[in-house]
Amino acid sequence: MRLLDITSAFSLFFIFHSLFSGCALAHQVAFYVHNKCPFPIWPATAANTGHPVIADGGFYLPSGETQRILAPWDWNGRIWVRTGCNFSSNRQPACETGDCDGRLACNGLIGTPPATLVQISLQSDKSKPNFYDVSLVDGYNLPVSVTTKQSSPKCAIGGCYRSLNNLCPHELQVLNNDGEVVACKSACLAFNLDSFCCRNEYGSPEKCKPNVYSKIFKEACPSYYSYAFDSPPPLVNCAAKEYVITFCPSSWGGDHNST
């Protein structure tokens, strides 16, 4: 084959590759997961039924680093963070909070609560907004903020005013081996009562009201769901193709000196 033919063939390859790559990227949404904590974290993802695993279900993220993960533009699922992990030993669980069967890549497994959850519902029709919220319905381990990359106040979910781990009542606390509070259970998770879990005869907004524990959550983190029927629903809807999810945002509470 002549050199001119080879050059033409490569040119056509790159043209088609660029076109198809651009098309693929146009059908994806990017999440920039940022770690502002002064310690490493292990973000994790789990898809709802019928949706693919993204970012292998979990990865390591050093302090101060950001990792971009891509999702199909109709993806539905959750993102959370694991803390205090050690995957080099046979310890079970491998993480102090949010563990998924001791694995680094959760690959679809849901993390063990309590863990702060970012819940996402993307719309394939890009004329419609995407929906997202932060839930403490099962409990809390770290604060998180969510916003579009082109920042807009109406698209933002802020961090917490104070660290819930500092405020957590004794009966809800999750302690590590050093006796430190590393997470705070919800009342539903801790006591498994219908009145706290908003189920059975309490399965409606009229019957299931805020309780003493959910009020502690709400005061510390007003932008999050503090219990199942939190009202007004702290659900955000914004049309965008790029979002920033920040763990330990700057507004996560001035009462926590070490972070």
C-alpha atoms as a PDB file:
ATOM      1  CA  MET A   1       0.000   0.000   0.000  1.00  0.00           C
ATOM      2  CA  ARG A   2       1.309   3.427  -0.905  1.00  0.00           C
ATOM      3  CA  LEU A   3       2.133   5.933   1.834  1.00  0.00           C
ATOM      4  CA  LEU A   4      -0.644   8.247   0.587  1.00  0.00           C
ATOM      5  CA  ASP A   5      -3.196   5.425   0.904  1.00  0.00           C
ATOM      6  CA  ILE A   6      -2.017   4.592   4.437  1.00  0.00           C
ATOM      7  CA  THR A   7      -2.244   8.242   5.460  1.00  0.00           C
ATOM      8  CA  SER A   8      -5.756   8.505   4.005  1.00  0.00           C
ATOM      9  CA  ALA A   9      -6.837   5.334   5.807  1.00  0.00           C
ATOM     10  CA  PHE A  10      -5.590   6.646   9.170  1.00  0.00           C
ATOM     11  CA  SER A  11      -7.290   9.984   8.547  1.00  0.00           C
ATOM     12  CA  LEU A  12     -10.613   8.273   7.899  1.00  0.00           C
ATOM     13  CA  PHE A  13     -10.140   6.114  11.034  1.00  0.00           C
ATOM     14  CA  PHE A  14      -9.606   9.137  13.263  1.00  0.00           C
ATOM     15  CA  ILE A  15     -12.562  10.978  11.718  1.00  0.00           C
ATOM     16  CA  PHE A  16     -14.919   8.064  12.355  1.00  0.00           C
ATOM     17  CA  HIS A  17     -13.434   7.445  15.832  1.00  0.00           C
ATOM     18  CA  SER A  18     -13.980  11.084  16.769  1.00  0.00           C
ATOM     19  CA  LEU A  19     -17.540  11.048  15.475  1.00  0.00           C
ATOM     20  CA  PHE A  20     -18.492   7.878  17.324  1.00  0.00           C
ATOM     21  CA  SER A  21     -16.656   8.933  20.503  1.00  0.00           C
ATOM     22  CA  GLY A  22     -18.436  12.272  20.435  1.00  0.00           C
ATOM     23  CA  CYS A  23     -21.756  10.522  19.971  1.00  0.00           C
ATOM     24  CA  ALA A  24     -21.040   8.205  22.923  1.00  0.00           C
ATOM     25  CA  LEU A  25     -20.007  11.075  25.187  1.00  0.00           C
ATOM     26  CA  ALA A  26     -23.113  13.014  24.184  1.00  0.00           C
ATOM     27  CA  HIS A  27     -25.178  10.172  25.652  1.00  0.00           C
ATOM     28  CA  GLN A  28     -23.431  10.243  29.026  1.00  0.00           C
ATOM     29  CA  VAL A  29     -23.494  12.384  32.157  1.00  0.00           C
ATOM     30  CA  ALA A  30     -20.283  13.123  34.069  1.00  0.00           C
ATOM     31  CA  PHE A  31     -19.979  13.198  37.860  1.00  0.00           C
ATOM     32  CA  TYR A  32     -16.865  14.810  39.300  1.00  0.00           C
ATOM     33  CA  VAL A  33     -16.398  13.173  42.701  1.00  0.00           C
ATOM     34  CA  HIS A  34     -14.208  15.416  44.867  1.00  0.00           C
ATOM     35  CA  ASN A  35     -12.638  14.562  48.226  1.00  0.00           C
ATOM     36  CA  LYS A  36     -12.184  17.624  50.431  1.00  0.00           C
ATOM     37  CA  CYS A  37     -11.809  15.491  53.558  1.00  0.00           C
ATOM     38  CA  PRO A  38      -8.366  15.537  55.213  1.00  0.00           C
ATOM     39  CA  PHE A  39      -8.228  11.740  54.834  1.00  0.00           C
ATOM     40  CA  PRO A  40      -8.724   9.232  51.998  1.00  0.00           C
ATOM     41  CA  ILE A  41     -12.188   7.950  51.137  1.00  0.00           C
ATOM     42  CA  TRP A  42     -13.575   5.152  48.988  1.00  0.00           C
ATOM     43  CA  PRO A  43     -16.580   6.372  46.950  1.00  0.00           C
ATOM     44  CA  ALA A  44     -19.002   3.698  45.798  1.00  0.00           C
ATOM     45  CA  THR A  45     -21.885   3.399  43.355  1.00  0.00           C
ATOM     46  CA  ALA A  46     -24.872   1.072  43.048  1.00  0.00           C
ATOM     47  CA  ALA A  47     -27.342   1.130  40.181  1.00  0.00           C
ATOM     48  CA  ASN A  48     -31.076   0.625  40.462  1.00  0.00           C
ATOM     49  CA  THR A  49     -32.516  -2.482  38.823  1.00  0.00           C
ATOM     50  CA  GLY A  50     -32.037  -2.476  35.057  1.00  0.00           C
ATOM     51  CA  HIS A  51     -29.166   0.019  35.054  1.00  0.00           C
ATOM     52  CA  PRO A  52     -25.444  -0.745  34.611  1.00  0.00           C
ATOM     53  CA  VAL A  53     -22.709  -0.568  37.225  1.00  0.00           C
ATOM     54  CA  ILE A  54     -20.588   2.577  36.812  1.00  0.00           C
ATOM     55  CA  ALA A  55     -16.984   3.168  37.945  1.00  0.00           C
ATOM     56  CA  ASP A  56     -16.744  -0.546  38.846  1.00  0.00           C
ATOM     57  CA  GLY A  57     -18.972   0.196  41.811  1.00  0.00           C
ATOM     58  CA  GLY A  58     -16.170   1.771  43.852  1.00  0.00           C
ATOM     59  CA  PHE A  59     -12.679   3.246  43.927  1.00  0.00           C
ATOM     60  CA  TYR A  60     -10.023   4.884  46.116  1.00  0.00           C
ATOM     61  CA  LEU A  61      -9.884   8.676  46.286  1.00  0.00           C
ATOM     62  CA  PRO A  62      -7.041  10.431  48.156  1.00  0.00           C
ATOM     63  CA  SER A  63      -7.569  13.659  50.057  1.00  0.00           C
ATOM     64  CA  GLY A  64      -7.800  16.660  47.735  1.00  0.00           C
ATOM     65  CA  GLU A  65      -8.300  14.560  44.588  1.00  0.00           C
ATOM     66  CA  THR A  66     -11.168  14.436  42.077  1.00  0.00           C
ATOM     67  CA  GLN A  67     -12.243  11.558  39.872  1.00  0.00           C
ATOM     68  CA  ARG A  68     -14.613  11.819  36.928  1.00  0.00           C
ATOM     69  CA  ILE A  69     -17.073   8.994  36.479  1.00  0.00           C
ATOM     70  CA  LEU A  70     -19.456   8.602  33.553  1.00  0.00           C
ATOM     71  CA  ALA A  71     -23.027   7.328  33.585  1.00  0.00           C
ATOM     72  CA  PRO A  72     -25.510   6.642  30.771  1.00  0.00           C
ATOM     73  CA  TRP A  73     -27.824   9.586  30.376  1.00  0.00           C
ATOM     74  CA  ASP A  74     -30.816   7.605  31.745  1.00  0.00           C
ATOM     75  CA  TRP A  75     -28.920   6.143  34.734  1.00  0.00           C
ATOM     76  CA  ASN A  76     -30.616   5.687  38.108  1.00  0.00           C
ATOM     77  CA  GLY A  77     -28.788   4.780  41.291  1.00  0.00           C
ATOM     78  CA  ARG A  78     -26.886   5.939  44.345  1.00  0.00           C
ATOM     79  CA  ILE A  79     -23.444   7.173  45.270  1.00  0.00           C
ATOM     80  CA  TRP A  80     -22.010   7.037  48.778  1.00  0.00           C
ATOM     81  CA  VAL A  81     -18.623   6.994  50.456  1.00  0.00           C
ATOM     82  CA  ARG A  82     -16.801   4.423  52.566  1.00  0.00           C
ATOM     83  CA  THR A  83     -14.393   5.413  55.305  1.00  0.00           C
ATOM     84  CA  GLY A  84     -11.627   3.746  57.298  1.00  0.00           C
ATOM     85  CA  CYS A  85     -11.013   1.002  54.734  1.00  0.00           C
ATOM     86  CA  ASN A  86      -8.234  -1.579  54.676  1.00  0.00           C
ATOM     87  CA  PHE A  87      -8.400  -3.983  51.749  1.00  0.00           C
ATOM     88  CA  SER A  88      -4.935  -5.462  52.309  1.00  0.00           C
ATOM     89  CA  SER A  89      -6.059  -7.709  55.157  1.00  0.00           C
ATOM     90  CA  ASN A  90      -8.799 -10.302  55.496  1.00  0.00           C
ATOM     91  CA  ARG A  91     -10.699  -8.051  57.872  1.00  0.00           C
ATOM     92  CA  GLN A  92     -14.480  -8.164  57.525  1.00  0.00           C
ATOM     93  CA  PRO A  93     -15.879  -5.662  57.040  1.00  0.00           C
ATOM     94  CA  ALA A  94     -13.008  -3.957  55.237  1.00  0.00           C
ATOM     95  CA  CYS A  95     -14.400  -0.455  55.924  1.00  0.00           C
ATOM     96  CA  GLU A  96     -15.602   1.225  59.091  1.00  0.00           C
ATOM     97  CA  THR A  97     -18.606   2.688  57.244  1.00  0.00           C
ATOM     98  CA  GLY A  98     -20.418   1.985  53.978  1.00  0.00           C
ATOM     99  CA  ASP A  99     -18.749  -1.406  53.436  1.00  0.00           C
ATOM    100  CA  CYS A 100     -19.830  -3.621  50.522  1.00  0.00           C
ATOM    101  CA  ASP A 101     -18.882  -7.180  51.456  1.00  0.00           C
ATOM    102  CA  GLY A 102     -15.238  -6.195  51.940  1.00  0.00           C
ATOM    103  CA  ARG A 103     -14.729  -5.296  48.270  1.00  0.00           C
ATOM    104  CA  LEU A 104     -12.972  -2.293  46.767  1.00  0.00           C
ATOM    105  CA  ALA A 105     -15.148  -2.481  43.633  1.00  0.00           C
ATOM    106  CA  CYS A 106     -18.676  -2.994  44.949  1.00  0.00           C
ATOM    107  CA  ASN A 107     -19.799  -4.047  41.434  1.00  0.00           C
ATOM    108  CA  GLY A 108     -23.478  -3.449  42.157  1.00  0.00           C
ATOM    109  CA  LEU A 109     -23.574  -4.301  45.862  1.00  0.00           C
ATOM    110  CA  ILE A 110     -25.268  -1.800  48.170  1.00  0.00           C
ATOM    111  CA  GLY A 111     -23.205  -0.484  51.070  1.00  0.00           C
ATOM    112  CA  THR A 112     -23.939  -1.330  54.682  1.00  0.00           C
ATOM    113  CA  PRO A 113     -25.784   1.532  56.387  1.00  0.00           C
ATOM    114  CA  PRO A 114     -25.469   3.990  57.953  1.00  0.00           C
ATOM    115  CA  ALA A 115     -24.019   6.022  55.104  1.00  0.00           C
ATOM    116  CA  THR A 116     -24.996   9.344  53.583  1.00  0.00           C
ATOM    117  CA  LEU A 117     -26.608   8.602  50.196  1.00  0.00           C
ATOM    118  CA  VAL A 118     -26.654  10.688  47.026  1.00  0.00           C
ATOM    119  CA  GLN A 119     -29.659   9.419  45.067  1.00  0.00           C
ATOM    120  CA  ILE A 120     -29.781  10.166  41.338  1.00  0.00           C
ATOM    121  CA  SER A 121     -32.394   9.766  38.602  1.00  0.00           C
ATOM    122  CA  LEU A 122     -31.184  10.884  35.167  1.00  0.00           C
ATOM    123  CA  GLN A 123     -33.623  11.480  32.312  1.00  0.00           C
ATOM    124  CA  SER A 124     -32.861  10.245  28.793  1.00  0.00           C
ATOM    125  CA  ASP A 125     -35.002  13.088  27.436  1.00  0.00           C
ATOM    126  CA  LYS A 126     -32.579  15.966  27.937  1.00  0.00           C
ATOM    127  CA  SER A 127     -35.372  18.514  27.612  1.00  0.00           C
ATOM    128  CA  LYS A 128     -36.406  17.257  31.070  1.00  0.00           C
ATOM    129  CA  PRO A 129     -34.454  17.872  34.296  1.00  0.00           C
ATOM    130  CA  ASN A 130     -32.503  15.248  36.224  1.00  0.00           C
ATOM    131  CA  PHE A 131     -33.547  14.557  39.814  1.00  0.00           C
ATOM    132  CA  TYR A 132     -31.229  14.108  42.785  1.00  0.00           C
ATOM    133  CA  ASP A 133     -31.236  14.320  46.565  1.00  0.00           C
ATOM    134  CA  VAL A 134     -29.163  13.440  49.626  1.00  0.00           C
ATOM    135  CA  SER A 135     -30.747  11.009  52.058  1.00  0.00           C
ATOM    136  CA  LEU A 136     -30.124  10.299  55.739  1.00  0.00           C
ATOM    137  CA  VAL A 137     -33.090   7.920  55.915  1.00  0.00           C
ATOM    138  CA  ASP A 138     -30.698   5.102  56.899  1.00  0.00           C
ATOM    139  CA  GLY A 139     -28.162   7.362  58.627  1.00  0.00           C
ATOM    140  CA  TYR A 140     -25.046   9.466  58.109  1.00  0.00           C
ATOM    141  CA  ASN A 141     -21.299   8.983  57.864  1.00  0.00           C
ATOM    142  CA  LEU A 142     -19.949  12.073  56.030  1.00  0.00           C
ATOM    143  CA  PRO A 143     -21.404  15.313  54.687  1.00  0.00           C
ATOM    144  CA  VAL A 144     -21.700  15.846  50.938  1.00  0.00           C
ATOM    145  CA  SER A 145     -22.719  18.619  48.569  1.00  0.00           C
ATOM    146  CA  VAL A 146     -24.053  18.259  45.032  1.00  0.00           C
ATOM    147  CA  THR A 147     -24.218  20.884  42.308  1.00  0.00           C
ATOM    148  CA  THR A 148     -24.005  21.277  38.572  1.00  0.00           C
ATOM    149  CA  LYS A 149     -20.518  21.980  37.225  1.00  0.00           C
ATOM    150  CA  GLN A 150     -21.791  25.322  35.956  1.00  0.00           C
ATOM    151  CA  SER A 151     -22.794  26.297  39.463  1.00  0.00           C
ATOM    152  CA  SER A 152     -26.362  27.455  40.033  1.00  0.00           C
ATOM    153  CA  PRO A 153     -27.951  28.049  43.463  1.00  0.00           C
ATOM    154  CA  LYS A 154     -31.214  26.401  42.434  1.00  0.00           C
ATOM    155  CA  CYS A 155     -29.288  23.256  41.436  1.00  0.00           C
ATOM    156  CA  ALA A 156     -27.238  22.981  44.622  1.00  0.00           C
ATOM    157  CA  ILE A 157     -27.572  20.728  47.652  1.00  0.00           C
ATOM    158  CA  GLY A 158     -25.425  22.198  50.402  1.00  0.00           C
ATOM    159  CA  GLY A 159     -23.383  20.506  53.079  1.00  0.00           C
ATOM    160  CA  CYS A 160     -24.195  20.334  56.790  1.00  0.00           C
ATOM    161  CA  TYR A 161     -24.022  23.142  59.325  1.00  0.00           C
ATOM    162  CA  ARG A 162     -22.528  20.777  61.887  1.00  0.00           C
ATOM    163  CA  SER A 163     -21.080  17.277  61.926  1.00  0.00           C
ATOM    164  CA  LEU A 164     -23.784  14.771  62.830  1.00  0.00           C
ATOM    165  CA  ASN A 165     -21.143  12.434  64.219  1.00  0.00           C
ATOM    166  CA  ASN A 166     -20.490  15.056  66.903  1.00  0.00           C
ATOM    167  CA  LEU A 167     -24.206  15.447  67.651  1.00  0.00           C
ATOM    168  CA  CYS A 168     -25.215  11.789  67.386  1.00  0.00           C
ATOM    169  CA  PRO A 169     -27.178  10.474  70.391  1.00  0.00           C
ATOM    170  CA  HIS A 170     -25.475   7.581  72.151  1.00  0.00           C
ATOM    171  CA  GLU A 171     -28.103   5.049  71.062  1.00  0.00           C
ATOM    172  CA  LEU A 172     -27.510   5.860  67.377  1.00  0.00           C
ATOM    173  CA  GLN A 173     -23.708   5.954  67.384  1.00  0.00           C
ATOM    174  CA  VAL A 174     -21.475   3.669  65.329  1.00  0.00           C
ATOM    175  CA  LEU A 175     -17.996   3.385  66.857  1.00  0.00           C
ATOM    176  CA  ASN A 176     -14.735   2.181  65.339  1.00  0.00           C
ATOM    177  CA  ASN A 177     -12.170   0.057  67.151  1.00  0.00           C
ATOM    178  CA  ASP A 178     -10.681   3.176  68.719  1.00  0.00           C
ATOM    179  CA  GLY A 179     -14.032   4.181  70.210  1.00  0.00           C
ATOM    180  CA  GLU A 180     -14.532   7.111  67.808  1.00  0.00           C
ATOM    181  CA  VAL A 181     -17.968   7.928  66.401  1.00  0.00           C
ATOM    182  CA  VAL A 182     -17.676   7.260  62.659  1.00  0.00           C
ATOM    183  CA  ALA A 183     -21.372   7.204  61.710  1.00  0.00           C
ATOM    184  CA  CYS A 184     -24.832   7.926  63.062  1.00  0.00           C
ATOM    185  CA  LYS A 185     -27.759   5.559  62.501  1.00  0.00           C
ATOM    186  CA  SER A 186     -31.226   6.805  61.712  1.00  0.00           C
ATOM    187  CA  ALA A 187     -33.945   5.978  64.240  1.00  0.00           C
ATOM    188  CA  CYS A 188     -35.433   3.538  61.705  1.00  0.00           C
ATOM    189  CA  LEU A 189     -32.145   1.678  61.327  1.00  0.00           C
ATOM    190  CA  ALA A 190     -31.452   1.672  65.060  1.00  0.00           C
ATOM    191  CA  PHE A 191     -34.879   0.667  66.393  1.00  0.00           C
ATOM    192  CA  ASN A 192     -36.723  -0.856  63.382  1.00  0.00           C
ATOM    193  CA  LEU A 193     -40.082   0.542  64.507  1.00  0.00           C
ATOM    194  CA  ASP A 194     -42.908   1.320  62.082  1.00  0.00           C
ATOM    195  CA  SER A 195     -43.331   4.800  63.550  1.00  0.00           C
ATOM    196  CA  PHE A 196     -39.692   5.640  62.756  1.00  0.00           C
ATOM    197  CA  CYS A 197     -39.576   3.769  59.433  1.00  0.00           C
ATOM    198  CA  CYS A 198     -42.833   5.238  58.034  1.00  0.00           C
ATOM    199  CA  ARG A 199     -44.316   1.856  57.154  1.00  0.00           C
ATOM    200  CA  ASN A 200     -47.523  -0.145  57.677  1.00  0.00           C
ATOM    201  CA  GLU A 201     -50.019   2.036  59.574  1.00  0.00           C
ATOM    202  CA  TYR A 202     -47.431   4.859  59.535  1.00  0.00           C
ATOM    203  CA  GLY A 203     -46.890   4.615  55.782  1.00  0.00           C
ATOM    204  CA  SER A 204     -48.212   8.046  54.859  1.00  0.00           C
ATOM    205  CA  PRO A 205     -47.124  11.665  55.391  1.00  0.00           C
ATOM    206  CA  GLU A 206     -50.187  12.210  57.571  1.00  0.00           C
ATOM    207  CA  LYS A 207     -49.243   9.409  59.965  1.00  0.00           C
ATOM    208  CA  CYS A 208     -45.435   9.552  59.894  1.00  0.00           C
ATOM    209  CA  LYS A 209     -44.162  12.814  61.345  1.00  0.00           C
ATOM    210  CA  PRO A 210     -40.704  14.153  62.280  1.00  0.00           C
ATOM    211  CA  ASN A 211     -39.345  12.640  65.480  1.00  0.00           C
ATOM    212  CA  VAL A 212     -36.770  13.761  68.008  1.00  0.00           C
ATOM    213  CA  TYR A 213     -33.985  12.007  66.071  1.00  0.00           C
ATOM    214  CA  SER A 214     -34.945  13.213  62.584  1.00  0.00           C
ATOM    215  CA  LYS A 215     -35.096  16.755  63.956  1.00  0.00           C
ATOM    216  CA  ILE A 216     -31.444  16.479  65.053  1.00  0.00           C
ATOM    217  CA  PHE A 217     -30.559  15.371  61.520  1.00  0.00           C
ATOM    218  CA  LYS A 218     -32.590  18.171  59.953  1.00  0.00           C
ATOM    219  CA  GLU A 219     -31.093  20.915  62.091  1.00  0.00           C
ATOM    220  CA  ALA A 220     -27.565  19.819  61.219  1.00  0.00           C
ATOM    221  CA  CYS A 221     -28.214  19.084  57.531  1.00  0.00           C
ATOM    222  CA  PRO A 222     -31.305  21.010  56.358  1.00  0.00           C
ATOM    223  CA  SER A 223     -30.780  20.215  52.654  1.00  0.00           C
ATOM    224  CA  TYR A 224     -31.016  16.437  53.165  1.00  0.00           C
ATOM    225  CA  TYR A 225     -33.887  14.006  53.671  1.00  0.00           C
ATOM    226  CA  SER A 226     -33.991  13.473  57.444  1.00  0.00           C
ATOM    227  CA  TYR A 227     -36.714  10.793  57.277  1.00  0.00           C
ATOM    228  CA  ALA A 228     -38.884   9.173  54.593  1.00  0.00           C
ATOM    229  CA  PHE A 229     -41.645  11.803  54.405  1.00  0.00           C
ATOM    230  CA  ASP A 230     -39.519  14.883  54.950  1.00  0.00           C
ATOM    231  CA  SER A 231     -41.457  17.955  53.845  1.00  0.00           C
ATOM    232  CA  PRO A 232     -41.031  19.947  51.759  1.00  0.00           C
ATOM    233  CA  PRO A 233     -39.198  17.179  49.872  1.00  0.00           C
ATOM    234  CA  PRO A 234     -35.529  18.233  49.522  1.00  0.00           C
ATOM    235  CA  LEU A 235     -35.435  16.933  45.944  1.00  0.00           C
ATOM    236  CA  VAL A 236     -33.565  18.989  43.348  1.00  0.00           C
ATOM    237  CA  ASN A 237     -34.259  18.899  39.617  1.00  0.00           C
ATOM    238  CA  CYS A 238     -31.826  20.443  37.160  1.00  0.00           C
ATOM    239  CA  ALA A 239     -30.937  19.713  33.551  1.00  0.00           C
ATOM    240  CA  ALA A 240     -27.147  19.363  33.139  1.00  0.00           C
ATOM    241  CA  LYS A 241     -24.550  16.972  31.755  1.00  0.00           C
ATOM    242  CA  GLU A 242     -21.907  17.572  34.430  1.00  0.00           C
ATOM    243  CA  TYR A 243     -22.283  17.465  38.212  1.00  0.00           C
ATOM    244  CA  VAL A 244     -19.875  17.912  41.119  1.00  0.00           C
ATOM    245  CA  ILE A 245     -20.257  15.698  44.190  1.00  0.00           C
ATOM    246  CA  THR A 246     -18.045  16.904  47.050  1.00  0.00           C
ATOM    247  CA  PHE A 247     -17.479  14.936  50.228  1.00  0.00           C
ATOM    248  CA  CYS A 248     -16.576  17.097  53.242  1.00  0.00           C
ATOM    249  CA  PRO A 249     -17.521  20.386  51.547  1.00  0.00           C
ATOM    250  CA  SER A 250     -16.315  23.593  53.151  1.00  0.00           C
ATOM    251  CA  SER A 251     -19.707  24.192  54.758  1.00  0.00           C
ATOM    252  CA  TRP A 252     -19.727  20.886  56.603  1.00  0.00           C
ATOM    253  CA  GLY A 253     -19.608  22.409  60.067  1.00  0.00           C
ATOM    254  CA  GLY A 254     -17.197  24.604  61.972  1.00  0.00           C
ATOM    255  CA  ASP A 255     -17.622  22.595  65.164  1.00  0.00           C
ATOM    256  CA  HIS A 256     -15.431  19.756  63.874  1.00  0.00           C
ATOM    257  CA  ASN A 257     -11.879  20.919  64.456  1.00  0.00           C
ATOM    258  CA  SER A 258     -10.030  18.084  62.764  1.00  0.00           C
ATOM    259  CA  THR A 259     -11.897  18.436  59.456  1.00  0.00           C
END
